[in-house]
Structure formats: structure tokens, C-alpha cells
Amino acid sequence: MSNYLIEHSAGSGKSNTIGWLAHRLASLHNEQDLRVFDSVIVVTDRLVLDQQLQDTIYQFEHRQGVVQKIDENSRQLAEALESGVPIIITTQQKFPFVSRQLLKLAEERGEKGTEVLPTHRYAVIIDEAHSSQSGEASTELKGV
């Protein structure tokens, strides 16, 4: 696992940087031509997703199913994580409830579920990281 920090000032193209990075990470393949990351998760700490960020990421890829914004609830996030949507855009506030939703999804399929996703590789891009790295929501995000 590696951590990186990119600093931007206001109006310097942060949304474009995040958009290009998300799409580049989602398209990375290894020597066996397998995707390096099952999903790229773009997380913002705003309760209402940053419309500019959504619009920018959507502009890069128009094919159905490549980019999914999680604008409803934590169940929508759990489903996107389970199915390996290439790019997921969500808020940090949905993560505390994902584990519970994973259990519910498994029960609905008649399976014995766990609160843990199968092992996958994720790239996580956090918008406004300085305000998103503490508290319960941050702990839950790291746990999921």
C-alpha cells in the first residue's frame, strides 16, 4: 500500500487531476493483462457530491457502467463495491453503513454473508483529504 498527496490551490485544476488520475488508475493492467485495481473509489467529504468533480469524471468516459456515482445510500455503495464498478464516486459519510449492507445483500441472495468484501485491490482518491482523515467515518472507510 502506498500513500500520495497532491496539493492544489483554488482554480488550479483539482477536478481535472482527480478525473484523469481515476481513469488512468482504472485502466491500468499488469503483465498478464489483468486490471491492477478492481475499482477506483473517489471519496469526497461533502454530503452533496461535488457536481464539478462528478461532471469532470463523467466527461472522460461515457460507456455505461464505467463510472457510478453513489448518490442514494450505503446499499448502492455496497453493490458497486461487490460488483467491481471501475470508478465509484461517493461521500465519506456512506462508509459507516457499508458493512451492514454487505450482510443484507448476502442474506437476500440466500448466502451466509460477512461484513467484509472479498479480497480486492482498490485505489482510493480522497478529495479534501485534510478534512477527511479523522473521526468515525474515516475509520469506517479504512475498515471497508
C-alpha atoms as a PDB file:
ATOM      1  CA  MET A   1       0.000   0.000   0.000  1.00  0.00           C
ATOM      2  CA  SER A   2       1.271   3.446  -0.906  1.00  0.00           C
ATOM      3  CA  ASN A   3       0.015   6.886   0.027  1.00  0.00           C
ATOM      4  CA  TYR A   4       0.484  10.025  -2.028  1.00  0.00           C
ATOM      5  CA  LEU A   5      -0.548  13.649  -1.535  1.00  0.00           C
ATOM      6  CA  ILE A   6      -1.254  16.104  -4.329  1.00  0.00           C
ATOM      7  CA  GLU A   7      -1.765  19.719  -3.330  1.00  0.00           C
ATOM      8  CA  HIS A   8      -3.782  22.157  -5.390  1.00  0.00           C
ATOM      9  CA  SER A   9      -4.744  25.756  -4.898  1.00  0.00           C
ATOM     10  CA  ALA A  10      -8.202  27.062  -5.764  1.00  0.00           C
ATOM     11  CA  GLY A  11      -8.816  27.112  -9.509  1.00  0.00           C
ATOM     12  CA  SER A  12      -5.714  25.087 -10.358  1.00  0.00           C
ATOM     13  CA  GLY A  13      -7.477  22.113 -11.941  1.00  0.00           C
ATOM     14  CA  LYS A  14      -8.005  19.765  -8.993  1.00  0.00           C
ATOM     15  CA  SER A  15     -11.127  18.198 -10.523  1.00  0.00           C
ATOM     16  CA  ASN A  16      -9.296  17.555 -13.798  1.00  0.00           C
ATOM     17  CA  THR A  17      -6.366  15.997 -11.939  1.00  0.00           C
ATOM     18  CA  ILE A  18      -8.698  13.714  -9.962  1.00  0.00           C
ATOM     19  CA  GLY A  19     -10.635  12.801 -13.115  1.00  0.00           C
ATOM     20  CA  TRP A  20      -7.547  11.926 -15.156  1.00  0.00           C
ATOM     21  CA  LEU A  21      -5.995  10.015 -12.243  1.00  0.00           C
ATOM     22  CA  ALA A  22      -9.183   7.996 -11.618  1.00  0.00           C
ATOM     23  CA  HIS A  23      -9.444   6.993 -15.273  1.00  0.00           C
ATOM     24  CA  ARG A  24      -5.750   6.202 -15.582  1.00  0.00           C
ATOM     25  CA  LEU A  25      -5.782   4.009 -12.467  1.00  0.00           C
ATOM     26  CA  ALA A  26      -8.958   2.243 -13.649  1.00  0.00           C
ATOM     27  CA  SER A  27      -7.319   1.419 -16.991  1.00  0.00           C
ATOM     28  CA  LEU A  28      -4.009   0.092 -15.608  1.00  0.00           C
ATOM     29  CA  HIS A  29      -3.255  -3.549 -16.470  1.00  0.00           C
ATOM     30  CA  ASN A  30      -0.415  -5.818 -15.366  1.00  0.00           C
ATOM     31  CA  GLU A  31       1.804  -8.072 -17.486  1.00  0.00           C
ATOM     32  CA  GLN A  32      -0.979 -10.705 -17.620  1.00  0.00           C
ATOM     33  CA  ASP A  33      -3.389  -8.030 -18.931  1.00  0.00           C
ATOM     34  CA  LEU A  34      -5.433  -8.114 -15.702  1.00  0.00           C
ATOM     35  CA  ARG A  35      -6.708  -4.888 -14.153  1.00  0.00           C
ATOM     36  CA  VAL A  36      -4.391  -3.665 -11.400  1.00  0.00           C
ATOM     37  CA  PHE A  37      -7.314  -2.248  -9.393  1.00  0.00           C
ATOM     38  CA  ASP A  38     -10.765  -3.810  -9.156  1.00  0.00           C
ATOM     39  CA  SER A  39     -12.223  -0.362  -8.501  1.00  0.00           C
ATOM     40  CA  VAL A  40     -11.054   3.208  -8.123  1.00  0.00           C
ATOM     41  CA  ILE A  41     -13.023   4.939  -5.390  1.00  0.00           C
ATOM     42  CA  VAL A  42     -13.205   8.729  -5.422  1.00  0.00           C
ATOM     43  CA  VAL A  43     -14.270   9.954  -1.985  1.00  0.00           C
ATOM     44  CA  THR A  44     -15.344  13.449  -1.072  1.00  0.00           C
ATOM     45  CA  ASP A  45     -16.258  14.633   2.402  1.00  0.00           C
ATOM     46  CA  ARG A  46     -19.144  16.725   1.159  1.00  0.00           C
ATOM     47  CA  LEU A  47     -22.637  15.435   1.926  1.00  0.00           C
ATOM     48  CA  VAL A  48     -23.675  16.517  -1.547  1.00  0.00           C
ATOM     49  CA  LEU A  49     -21.205  15.201  -4.087  1.00  0.00           C
ATOM     50  CA  ASP A  50     -19.174  17.921  -5.737  1.00  0.00           C
ATOM     51  CA  GLN A  51     -21.048  18.383  -9.021  1.00  0.00           C
ATOM     52  CA  GLN A  52     -17.964  19.743 -10.783  1.00  0.00           C
ATOM     53  CA  LEU A  53     -15.960  16.656  -9.802  1.00  0.00           C
ATOM     54  CA  GLN A  54     -18.745  14.320 -10.987  1.00  0.00           C
ATOM     55  CA  ASP A  55     -19.103  16.149 -14.279  1.00  0.00           C
ATOM     56  CA  THR A  56     -15.363  16.098 -14.892  1.00  0.00           C
ATOM     57  CA  ILE A  57     -15.016  12.361 -14.247  1.00  0.00           C
ATOM     58  CA  TYR A  58     -18.059  11.575 -16.417  1.00  0.00           C
ATOM     59  CA  GLN A  59     -16.592  13.613 -19.292  1.00  0.00           C
ATOM     60  CA  PHE A  60     -13.657  11.211 -19.597  1.00  0.00           C
ATOM     61  CA  GLU A  61     -15.758   8.078 -20.092  1.00  0.00           C
ATOM     62  CA  HIS A  62     -19.268   7.760 -21.466  1.00  0.00           C
ATOM     63  CA  ARG A  63     -19.617   3.958 -21.629  1.00  0.00           C
ATOM     64  CA  GLN A  64     -22.365   2.588 -19.411  1.00  0.00           C
ATOM     65  CA  GLY A  65     -21.160   1.038 -16.158  1.00  0.00           C
ATOM     66  CA  VAL A  66     -17.646   2.523 -16.074  1.00  0.00           C
ATOM     67  CA  VAL A  67     -18.426   5.360 -13.652  1.00  0.00           C
ATOM     68  CA  GLN A  68     -21.053   5.186 -10.922  1.00  0.00           C
ATOM     69  CA  LYS A  69     -21.896   7.995  -8.546  1.00  0.00           C
ATOM     70  CA  ILE A  70     -23.232   6.800  -5.225  1.00  0.00           C
ATOM     71  CA  ASP A  71     -25.923   9.378  -4.593  1.00  0.00           C
ATOM     72  CA  GLU A  72     -28.620   7.287  -2.928  1.00  0.00           C
ATOM     73  CA  ASN A  73     -27.444   5.271   0.076  1.00  0.00           C
ATOM     74  CA  SER A  74     -24.863   2.872   1.500  1.00  0.00           C
ATOM     75  CA  ARG A  75     -26.576  -0.114  -0.150  1.00  0.00           C
ATOM     76  CA  GLN A  76     -25.804   1.421  -3.546  1.00  0.00           C
ATOM     77  CA  LEU A  77     -22.153   1.735  -2.444  1.00  0.00           C
ATOM     78  CA  ALA A  78     -22.037  -1.886  -1.202  1.00  0.00           C
ATOM     79  CA  GLU A  79     -23.460  -3.125  -4.530  1.00  0.00           C
ATOM     80  CA  ALA A  80     -20.919  -1.108  -6.526  1.00  0.00           C
ATOM     81  CA  LEU A  81     -18.037  -2.423  -4.399  1.00  0.00           C
ATOM     82  CA  GLU A  82     -19.235  -6.034  -4.721  1.00  0.00           C
ATOM     83  CA  SER A  83     -19.664  -5.819  -8.476  1.00  0.00           C
ATOM     84  CA  GLY A  84     -16.326  -4.110  -9.142  1.00  0.00           C
ATOM     85  CA  VAL A  85     -17.567  -0.950 -10.864  1.00  0.00           C
ATOM     86  CA  PRO A  86     -14.359   0.531 -12.340  1.00  0.00           C
ATOM     87  CA  ILE A  87     -14.827   4.061 -10.928  1.00  0.00           C
ATOM     88  CA  ILE A  88     -17.027   4.784  -7.910  1.00  0.00           C
ATOM     89  CA  ILE A  89     -17.715   8.352  -6.754  1.00  0.00           C
ATOM     90  CA  THR A  90     -19.079   8.604  -3.219  1.00  0.00           C
ATOM     91  CA  THR A  91     -19.122  10.568   0.005  1.00  0.00           C
ATOM     92  CA  GLN A  92     -17.235   9.529   3.093  1.00  0.00           C
ATOM     93  CA  GLN A  93     -20.452   9.541   5.122  1.00  0.00           C
ATOM     94  CA  LYS A  94     -21.733   6.352   3.426  1.00  0.00           C
ATOM     95  CA  PHE A  95     -18.906   4.105   4.647  1.00  0.00           C
ATOM     96  CA  PRO A  96     -20.074   3.561   8.262  1.00  0.00           C
ATOM     97  CA  PHE A  97     -23.081   1.618   6.921  1.00  0.00           C
ATOM     98  CA  VAL A  98     -21.441  -0.463   4.159  1.00  0.00           C
ATOM     99  CA  SER A  99     -20.614  -3.489   6.328  1.00  0.00           C
ATOM    100  CA  ARG A 100     -24.254  -3.846   7.376  1.00  0.00           C
ATOM    101  CA  GLN A 101     -25.387  -3.574   3.754  1.00  0.00           C
ATOM    102  CA  LEU A 102     -22.950  -6.297   2.649  1.00  0.00           C
ATOM    103  CA  LEU A 103     -24.601  -8.652   5.153  1.00  0.00           C
ATOM    104  CA  LYS A 104     -28.075  -7.747   3.912  1.00  0.00           C
ATOM    105  CA  LEU A 105     -27.109  -8.301   0.265  1.00  0.00           C
ATOM    106  CA  ALA A 106     -25.726 -11.765   1.066  1.00  0.00           C
ATOM    107  CA  GLU A 107     -28.850 -12.693   3.061  1.00  0.00           C
ATOM    108  CA  GLU A 108     -31.088 -11.613   0.157  1.00  0.00           C
ATOM    109  CA  ARG A 109     -29.138 -13.960  -2.116  1.00  0.00           C
ATOM    110  CA  GLY A 110     -29.603 -16.776   0.410  1.00  0.00           C
ATOM    111  CA  GLU A 111     -25.904 -16.823   1.274  1.00  0.00           C
ATOM    112  CA  LYS A 112     -24.139 -16.709   4.592  1.00  0.00           C
ATOM    113  CA  GLY A 113     -22.626 -13.271   4.436  1.00  0.00           C
ATOM    114  CA  THR A 114     -19.872 -11.451   6.205  1.00  0.00           C
ATOM    115  CA  GLU A 115     -19.297  -7.768   6.777  1.00  0.00           C
ATOM    116  CA  VAL A 116     -16.133  -7.983   4.696  1.00  0.00           C
ATOM    117  CA  LEU A 117     -15.681  -7.721   0.954  1.00  0.00           C
ATOM    118  CA  PRO A 118     -13.796 -10.488  -0.808  1.00  0.00           C
ATOM    119  CA  THR A 119     -10.177  -9.543  -1.316  1.00  0.00           C
ATOM    120  CA  HIS A 120      -9.931  -6.891  -3.993  1.00  0.00           C
ATOM    121  CA  ARG A 121      -7.454  -4.190  -4.861  1.00  0.00           C
ATOM    122  CA  TYR A 122      -8.734  -0.632  -4.622  1.00  0.00           C
ATOM    123  CA  ALA A 123      -7.247   2.729  -5.430  1.00  0.00           C
ATOM    124  CA  VAL A 124      -8.799   5.394  -3.225  1.00  0.00           C
ATOM    125  CA  ILE A 125      -8.664   9.073  -4.173  1.00  0.00           C
ATOM    126  CA  ILE A 126      -9.812  11.363  -1.375  1.00  0.00           C
ATOM    127  CA  ASP A 127     -10.872  14.896  -2.245  1.00  0.00           C
ATOM    128  CA  GLU A 128     -10.162  17.369   0.548  1.00  0.00           C
ATOM    129  CA  ALA A 129      -8.057  14.813   2.405  1.00  0.00           C
ATOM    130  CA  HIS A 130      -7.046  17.303   5.099  1.00  0.00           C
ATOM    131  CA  SER A 131     -10.595  17.314   6.460  1.00  0.00           C
ATOM    132  CA  SER A 132     -11.324  13.624   5.882  1.00  0.00           C
ATOM    133  CA  GLN A 133      -8.654  11.779   7.830  1.00  0.00           C
ATOM    134  CA  SER A 134     -10.106  11.656  11.318  1.00  0.00           C
ATOM    135  CA  GLY A 135     -13.315  10.620  13.007  1.00  0.00           C
ATOM    136  CA  GLU A 136     -15.658   7.646  12.761  1.00  0.00           C
ATOM    137  CA  ALA A 137     -16.339   7.983   9.019  1.00  0.00           C
ATOM    138  CA  SER A 138     -12.620   7.876   8.254  1.00  0.00           C
ATOM    139  CA  THR A 139     -12.160   4.808  10.463  1.00  0.00           C
ATOM    140  CA  GLU A 140     -15.039   3.044   8.702  1.00  0.00           C
ATOM    141  CA  LEU A 141     -13.690   3.960   5.255  1.00  0.00           C
ATOM    142  CA  LYS A 142     -10.324   2.437   6.136  1.00  0.00           C
ATOM    143  CA  GLY A 143     -12.036  -0.638   7.598  1.00  0.00           C
ATOM    144  CA  VAL A 144     -14.097  -1.321   4.497  1.00  0.00           C
END
